[in-house]
Amino acid sequence: MQAIEFKTQLKHGQITIPLSYHLNEGQSVRVLILLDDPIVSPKNMEETIWQKTAGAWQGEPLVREPQGNFEQRLELE
């Protein structure tokens, strides 16, 4: 295994690998992402996703169909 280190920035959800490393098309690689400036914690990221998507549905009104009757289970002895 060989380690290659370079600096880059996330653009449109993608990380660009410099062409100067001459990786072969289809070559298997292992990726480890180390953030220089962690600005979003996993908890904040989860909240951000919910905030961005809450109320975003623009189709027909959602309808919850009847759920039917609850299953009747036998009493425990």
C-alpha atoms as a PDB file:
ATOM      1  CA  MET A   1       0.000   0.000   0.000  1.00  0.00           C
ATOM      2  CA  GLN A   2       1.165   3.503  -0.838  1.00  0.00           C
ATOM      3  CA  ALA A   3      -0.016   6.704   0.878  1.00  0.00           C
ATOM      4  CA  ILE A   4      -0.551   9.896  -1.122  1.00  0.00           C
ATOM      5  CA  GLU A   5      -1.296  13.192   0.604  1.00  0.00           C
ATOM      6  CA  PHE A   6      -2.615  16.335  -1.047  1.00  0.00           C
ATOM      7  CA  LYS A   7      -4.826  19.277  -0.136  1.00  0.00           C
ATOM      8  CA  THR A   8      -8.097  19.896  -1.923  1.00  0.00           C
ATOM      9  CA  GLN A   9     -11.537  21.405  -1.326  1.00  0.00           C
ATOM     10  CA  LEU A  10     -14.946  19.835  -1.578  1.00  0.00           C
ATOM     11  CA  LYS A  11     -16.761  21.183  -4.651  1.00  0.00           C
ATOM     12  CA  HIS A  12     -20.333  20.137  -5.462  1.00  0.00           C
ATOM     13  CA  GLY A  13     -19.973  17.142  -3.121  1.00  0.00           C
ATOM     14  CA  GLN A  14     -16.853  15.850  -4.888  1.00  0.00           C
ATOM     15  CA  ILE A  15     -13.142  15.767  -4.156  1.00  0.00           C
ATOM     16  CA  THR A  16     -10.771  16.089  -7.096  1.00  0.00           C
ATOM     17  CA  ILE A  17      -7.602  13.978  -7.159  1.00  0.00           C
ATOM     18  CA  PRO A  18      -4.768  15.817  -8.918  1.00  0.00           C
ATOM     19  CA  LEU A  19      -3.911  14.275 -12.288  1.00  0.00           C
ATOM     20  CA  SER A  20      -0.211  14.489 -11.412  1.00  0.00           C
ATOM     21  CA  TYR A  21      -0.604  11.302  -9.322  1.00  0.00           C
ATOM     22  CA  HIS A  22      -1.219   9.239 -12.491  1.00  0.00           C
ATOM     23  CA  LEU A  23      -3.771   6.838 -11.019  1.00  0.00           C
ATOM     24  CA  ASN A  24      -5.059   4.207 -13.416  1.00  0.00           C
ATOM     25  CA  GLU A  25      -8.738   4.200 -14.393  1.00  0.00           C
ATOM     26  CA  GLY A  26     -10.543   1.652 -12.217  1.00  0.00           C
ATOM     27  CA  GLN A  27      -7.645   1.406  -9.774  1.00  0.00           C
ATOM     28  CA  SER A  28      -8.743   0.423  -6.284  1.00  0.00           C
ATOM     29  CA  VAL A  29      -8.049   3.104  -3.668  1.00  0.00           C
ATOM     30  CA  ARG A  30      -8.780   3.584   0.031  1.00  0.00           C
ATOM     31  CA  VAL A  31      -9.919   7.069   1.039  1.00  0.00           C
ATOM     32  CA  LEU A  32      -9.456   8.672   4.461  1.00  0.00           C
ATOM     33  CA  ILE A  33     -10.857  12.181   4.886  1.00  0.00           C
ATOM     34  CA  LEU A  34      -9.258  14.397   7.536  1.00  0.00           C
ATOM     35  CA  LEU A  35     -10.934  17.767   8.035  1.00  0.00           C
ATOM     36  CA  ASP A  36      -8.639  20.752   8.615  1.00  0.00           C
ATOM     37  CA  ASP A  37     -11.494  22.866  10.006  1.00  0.00           C
ATOM     38  CA  PRO A  38     -14.317  20.669  11.274  1.00  0.00           C
ATOM     39  CA  ILE A  39     -17.196  23.143  11.231  1.00  0.00           C
ATOM     40  CA  VAL A  40     -20.132  20.741  11.307  1.00  0.00           C
ATOM     41  CA  SER A  41     -20.488  18.079  13.973  1.00  0.00           C
ATOM     42  CA  PRO A  42     -22.505  14.943  13.122  1.00  0.00           C
ATOM     43  CA  LYS A  43     -25.295  16.186  15.419  1.00  0.00           C
ATOM     44  CA  ASN A  44     -25.409  19.603  13.717  1.00  0.00           C
ATOM     45  CA  MET A  45     -25.252  17.946  10.290  1.00  0.00           C
ATOM     46  CA  GLU A  46     -28.306  15.830  11.132  1.00  0.00           C
ATOM     47  CA  GLU A  47     -30.219  18.908  12.271  1.00  0.00           C
ATOM     48  CA  THR A  48     -29.187  20.781   9.145  1.00  0.00           C
ATOM     49  CA  ILE A  49     -30.471  17.984   6.891  1.00  0.00           C
ATOM     50  CA  TRP A  50     -33.841  18.010   8.666  1.00  0.00           C
ATOM     51  CA  GLN A  51     -34.029  21.792   8.465  1.00  0.00           C
ATOM     52  CA  LYS A  52     -33.278  21.753   4.736  1.00  0.00           C
ATOM     53  CA  THR A  53     -35.847  19.069   3.913  1.00  0.00           C
ATOM     54  CA  ALA A  54     -38.686  19.889   6.332  1.00  0.00           C
ATOM     55  CA  GLY A  55     -41.747  20.938   4.355  1.00  0.00           C
ATOM     56  CA  ALA A  56     -40.022  20.361   1.010  1.00  0.00           C
ATOM     57  CA  TRP A  57     -42.660  17.945  -0.393  1.00  0.00           C
ATOM     58  CA  GLN A  58     -44.401  19.660  -3.302  1.00  0.00           C
ATOM     59  CA  GLY A  59     -46.544  16.831  -4.658  1.00  0.00           C
ATOM     60  CA  GLU A  60     -50.084  15.796  -3.774  1.00  0.00           C
ATOM     61  CA  PRO A  61     -51.072  16.029  -0.114  1.00  0.00           C
ATOM     62  CA  LEU A  62     -49.896  12.963   1.778  1.00  0.00           C
ATOM     63  CA  VAL A  63     -52.656  10.660   3.002  1.00  0.00           C
ATOM     64  CA  ARG A  64     -52.202   8.032   5.690  1.00  0.00           C
ATOM     65  CA  GLU A  65     -54.281   5.004   4.799  1.00  0.00           C
ATOM     66  CA  PRO A  66     -56.234   3.148   7.529  1.00  0.00           C
ATOM     67  CA  GLN A  67     -53.928   0.869   9.494  1.00  0.00           C
ATOM     68  CA  GLY A  68     -56.489  -1.879  10.163  1.00  0.00           C
ATOM     69  CA  ASN A  69     -57.092  -3.631  13.479  1.00  0.00           C
ATOM     70  CA  PHE A  70     -54.420  -4.459  16.017  1.00  0.00           C
ATOM     71  CA  GLU A  71     -53.365  -8.084  16.219  1.00  0.00           C
ATOM     72  CA  GLN A  72     -54.966  -9.884  19.183  1.00  0.00           C
ATOM     73  CA  ARG A  73     -52.297 -11.901  21.003  1.00  0.00           C
ATOM     74  CA  LEU A  74     -52.773 -14.740  23.427  1.00  0.00           C
ATOM     75  CA  GLU A  75     -52.452 -13.973  27.129  1.00  0.00           C
ATOM     76  CA  LEU A  76     -49.179 -14.985  28.826  1.00  0.00           C
ATOM     77  CA  GLU A  77     -49.524 -17.814  31.318  1.00  0.00           C
END
